Amino acid sequence: MTADLPGGGRGTHSEPERGTPHGNPLRRRSDRVQQWVGASAVVLSLAAVPGVATGVGLAVHSAEMHKVQEAAGSHIVEAHLVGDAGPRKAAARGDDPVKAQVQWKESDGVVRTAQVRVDAGTPADFPVRIWVRSDGTASSVPPTTAAEAALAAWLTGIVTGAGVTGIFYVSWKGFVHLMNRRRYAQWEREWEEAEPGMSGRTRDL
């Protein structure tokens, strides 16, 4: 369709696209595609985010509860370092915990030893509280409780849900950016065709 333009020229404009609300000539195919992709992304994210977050949270809870069950038969004893845990100045520097040998006596009088993590620079014969499991292994780290397992599951689920949501959001913003670049290029081509007629000058060949 042609239309009279200022300056005596004649230009063209797109016919209203079929199936668009009110025959809006400014609504292009790219706009419909963007709207369809956006709606699909919302539906997909609403379905995927809760499912993924719940699945990951349950997996973490199962793994943490396995640790709780393993530590169910553990008991606390006071052991003593067999030797210095690294140089004394390591404690002043705030170095990471190191493995050191500790020794303790069980209720039946049997003396046992194990390697556990203690603060760097801890001197020999220093008392260390450890947790001894039913299989004889020992650790200076308190065993995981059921409440801690549940908290870890919840936090992991929340972080996972936020991460998946972020992926959807970044992907959507990237898609919109590409669509905008395509629209700008199309508008520029159409302006190059229409501008000579609107300004009344001859289009350069």
Protein backbone atom coordinates (compact mmCIF):
# COMPACT_ATOMS: atom_id res chain seq x y z
CA MET A 1 0.00 0.00 0.00
CA THR A 2 1.30 3.50 -0.84
CA ALA A 3 0.68 6.77 0.92
CA ASP A 4 1.29 10.45 0.12
CA LEU A 5 4.16 11.79 2.17
CA PRO A 6 5.35 15.34 2.93
CA GLY A 7 7.37 16.82 0.07
CA GLY A 8 5.27 15.20 -2.63
CA GLY A 9 6.92 11.84 -2.29
CA ARG A 10 5.29 8.51 -1.88
CA GLY A 11 6.36 5.85 0.57
CA THR A 12 5.33 2.42 1.62
CA HIS A 13 4.35 0.87 4.90
CA SER A 14 3.63 -2.67 5.88
CA GLU A 15 0.14 -4.05 5.66
CA PRO A 16 -1.35 -5.01 9.03
CA GLU A 17 -0.33 -8.55 9.80
CA ARG A 18 -3.12 -11.06 9.92
CA GLY A 19 -3.96 -12.44 13.31
CA THR A 20 -2.53 -9.46 15.22
CA PRO A 21 -4.71 -7.61 17.75
CA HIS A 22 -6.54 -4.71 16.12
CA GLY A 23 -4.43 -5.18 12.97
CA ASN A 24 -1.56 -3.24 14.60
CA PRO A 25 0.96 -2.61 11.77
CA LEU A 26 3.75 -2.05 14.31
CA ARG A 27 3.42 -5.57 15.66
CA ARG A 28 5.79 -7.70 13.67
CA ARG A 29 6.49 -11.40 13.50
CA SER A 30 9.51 -10.96 15.76
CA ASP A 31 7.25 -9.42 18.41
CA ARG A 32 4.96 -12.44 18.31
CA VAL A 33 7.92 -14.81 18.51
CA GLN A 34 9.32 -12.93 21.49
CA GLN A 35 5.96 -13.01 23.25
CA TRP A 36 5.57 -16.74 22.60
CA VAL A 37 9.10 -17.53 23.81
CA GLY A 38 8.60 -15.37 26.89
CA ALA A 39 5.36 -17.12 27.82
CA SER A 40 6.97 -20.52 27.25
CA ALA A 41 9.97 -19.54 29.38
CA VAL A 42 7.69 -18.50 32.25
CA VAL A 43 5.73 -21.75 32.12
CA LEU A 44 8.91 -23.82 31.84
CA SER A 45 10.61 -22.02 34.71
CA LEU A 46 7.56 -22.38 36.96
CA ALA A 47 7.58 -26.10 36.26
CA ALA A 48 11.35 -26.69 36.30
CA VAL A 49 12.63 -24.54 39.17
CA PRO A 50 10.57 -26.13 41.98
CA GLY A 51 11.23 -29.64 40.63
CA VAL A 52 14.99 -29.20 40.28
CA ALA A 53 15.33 -27.43 43.63
CA THR A 54 13.29 -30.10 45.39
CA GLY A 55 15.20 -32.94 43.76
CA VAL A 56 18.60 -31.51 44.68
CA GLY A 57 17.44 -30.68 48.20
CA LEU A 58 16.17 -34.23 48.77
CA ALA A 59 19.44 -35.68 47.44
CA VAL A 60 21.47 -33.53 49.84
CA HIS A 61 19.16 -34.43 52.72
CA SER A 62 19.58 -38.14 51.97
CA ALA A 63 23.37 -37.81 51.88
CA GLU A 64 23.48 -35.82 55.12
CA MET A 65 21.12 -38.20 56.89
CA HIS A 66 23.45 -41.06 55.90
CA LYS A 67 26.19 -39.24 57.81
CA VAL A 68 23.83 -38.82 60.77
CA GLN A 69 23.09 -42.54 60.80
CA GLU A 70 26.80 -43.40 60.57
CA ALA A 71 27.54 -41.19 63.57
CA ALA A 72 24.58 -42.41 65.59
CA GLY A 73 26.76 -44.75 67.68
CA SER A 74 29.63 -42.30 68.24
CA HIS A 75 30.76 -41.21 71.69
CA ILE A 76 32.88 -38.32 72.93
CA VAL A 77 36.28 -38.85 74.52
CA GLU A 78 39.08 -36.55 75.58
CA ALA A 79 42.29 -37.40 73.77
CA HIS A 80 45.75 -35.85 74.00
CA LEU A 81 48.17 -34.90 71.24
CA VAL A 82 51.09 -37.27 70.93
CA GLY A 83 53.33 -34.50 69.53
CA ASP A 84 53.27 -30.86 68.49
CA ALA A 85 50.87 -30.06 65.64
CA GLY A 86 53.32 -28.05 63.58
CA PRO A 87 55.42 -25.09 64.74
CA ARG A 88 54.11 -22.89 67.54
CA LYS A 89 54.20 -19.79 65.34
CA ALA A 90 51.63 -21.44 63.05
CA ALA A 91 48.93 -20.71 65.63
CA ALA A 92 49.79 -17.01 65.62
CA ARG A 93 49.63 -16.93 61.83
CA GLY A 94 46.17 -18.53 61.88
CA ASP A 95 47.18 -21.43 59.65
CA ASP A 96 44.59 -24.02 58.58
CA PRO A 97 44.03 -27.07 60.83
CA VAL A 98 46.51 -29.89 60.33
CA LYS A 99 46.37 -33.64 60.89
CA ALA A 100 48.00 -34.84 64.08
CA GLN A 101 48.08 -38.04 66.11
CA VAL A 102 46.07 -38.21 69.29
CA GLN A 103 45.82 -40.87 71.96
CA TRP A 104 43.10 -41.80 74.42
CA LYS A 105 42.01 -44.58 76.73
CA GLU A 106 38.70 -46.35 76.27
CA SER A 107 36.45 -47.32 79.17
CA ASP A 108 37.81 -50.87 78.98
CA GLY A 109 41.34 -49.57 79.52
CA VAL A 110 42.51 -50.06 75.93
CA VAL A 111 44.71 -47.22 74.66
CA ARG A 112 43.92 -46.13 71.12
CA THR A 113 45.42 -43.65 68.64
CA ALA A 114 44.06 -41.87 65.59
CA GLN A 115 44.80 -39.04 63.18
CA VAL A 116 42.49 -36.05 63.55
CA ARG A 117 42.55 -32.43 62.49
CA VAL A 118 43.61 -29.90 65.14
CA ASP A 119 44.62 -26.25 65.13
CA ALA A 120 48.08 -25.68 63.72
CA GLY A 121 50.65 -25.02 66.43
CA THR A 122 48.81 -26.96 69.15
CA PRO A 123 51.45 -28.28 71.62
CA ALA A 124 51.98 -31.92 72.57
CA ASP A 125 49.79 -33.43 75.32
CA PHE A 126 47.13 -30.78 74.69
CA PRO A 127 43.61 -32.17 75.39
CA VAL A 128 41.45 -32.58 72.29
CA ARG A 129 37.76 -33.54 72.28
CA ILE A 130 37.05 -36.13 69.61
CA TRP A 131 34.09 -38.22 68.48
CA VAL A 132 34.74 -41.94 68.12
CA ARG A 133 32.39 -43.95 65.91
CA SER A 134 31.35 -47.54 66.44
CA ASP A 135 33.80 -48.65 63.71
CA GLY A 136 36.72 -47.16 65.65
CA THR A 137 37.30 -44.12 63.42
CA ALA A 138 37.67 -40.77 65.14
CA SER A 139 37.17 -37.14 64.19
CA SER A 140 37.56 -33.78 65.90
CA VAL A 141 34.56 -32.47 63.95
CA PRO A 142 31.17 -32.94 65.64
CA PRO A 143 28.87 -35.34 63.78
CA THR A 144 26.07 -33.96 61.65
CA THR A 145 22.70 -33.72 63.38
CA ALA A 146 19.28 -34.27 61.83
CA ALA A 147 18.53 -30.55 62.14
CA GLU A 148 21.76 -29.67 60.33
CA ALA A 149 20.91 -32.18 57.59
CA ALA A 150 17.51 -30.55 57.09
CA LEU A 151 19.05 -27.05 57.08
CA ALA A 152 21.65 -28.10 54.50
CA ALA A 153 18.90 -29.55 52.30
CA TRP A 154 16.80 -26.39 52.50
CA LEU A 155 19.72 -24.06 51.80
CA THR A 156 20.91 -26.18 48.88
CA GLY A 157 17.39 -26.28 47.44
CA ILE A 158 17.02 -22.50 47.72
CA VAL A 159 20.41 -21.83 46.15
CA THR A 160 19.69 -24.31 43.36
CA GLY A 161 16.31 -22.72 42.67
CA ALA A 162 17.90 -19.27 42.55
CA GLY A 163 20.60 -20.56 40.22
CA VAL A 164 18.16 -22.16 37.80
CA THR A 165 16.03 -19.00 37.85
CA GLY A 166 19.15 -16.97 37.08
CA ILE A 167 19.92 -19.21 34.10
CA PHE A 168 16.41 -18.68 32.72
CA TYR A 169 16.67 -14.92 33.27
CA VAL A 170 20.08 -14.56 31.60
CA SER A 171 18.95 -16.74 28.68
CA TRP A 172 15.82 -14.61 28.26
CA LYS A 173 17.78 -11.33 28.34
CA GLY A 174 20.17 -12.72 25.73
CA PHE A 175 17.26 -13.74 23.50
CA VAL A 176 15.65 -10.30 23.82
CA HIS A 177 18.97 -8.67 22.94
CA LEU A 178 19.25 -10.72 19.77
CA MET A 179 15.66 -9.98 18.81
CA ASN A 180 16.22 -6.24 19.36
CA ARG A 181 19.30 -6.29 17.16
CA ARG A 182 17.27 -7.97 14.43
CA ARG A 183 14.48 -5.40 14.77
CA TYR A 184 16.89 -2.46 14.70
CA ALA A 185 18.51 -3.80 11.53
CA GLN A 186 15.10 -4.23 9.91
CA TRP A 187 13.99 -0.75 10.93
CA GLU A 188 17.18 0.71 9.49
CA ARG A 189 16.61 -1.02 6.14
CA GLU A 190 13.01 0.17 6.00
CA TRP A 191 14.03 3.72 6.92
CA GLU A 192 16.57 3.77 4.10
CA GLU A 193 13.73 2.85 1.73
CA ALA A 194 11.16 5.28 3.11
CA GLU A 195 13.31 8.32 3.97
CA PRO A 196 13.93 9.55 0.38
CA GLY A 197 10.20 9.74 -0.29
CA MET A 198 9.50 11.45 3.03
CA SER A 199 12.19 14.09 2.50
CA GLY A 200 11.36 14.65 -1.16
CA ARG A 201 14.84 13.77 -2.39
CA THR A 202 15.84 11.12 -4.85
CA ARG A 203 17.04 7.91 -3.32
CA ASP A 204 20.73 7.30 -3.95
CA LEU A 205 21.36 4.34 -6.19
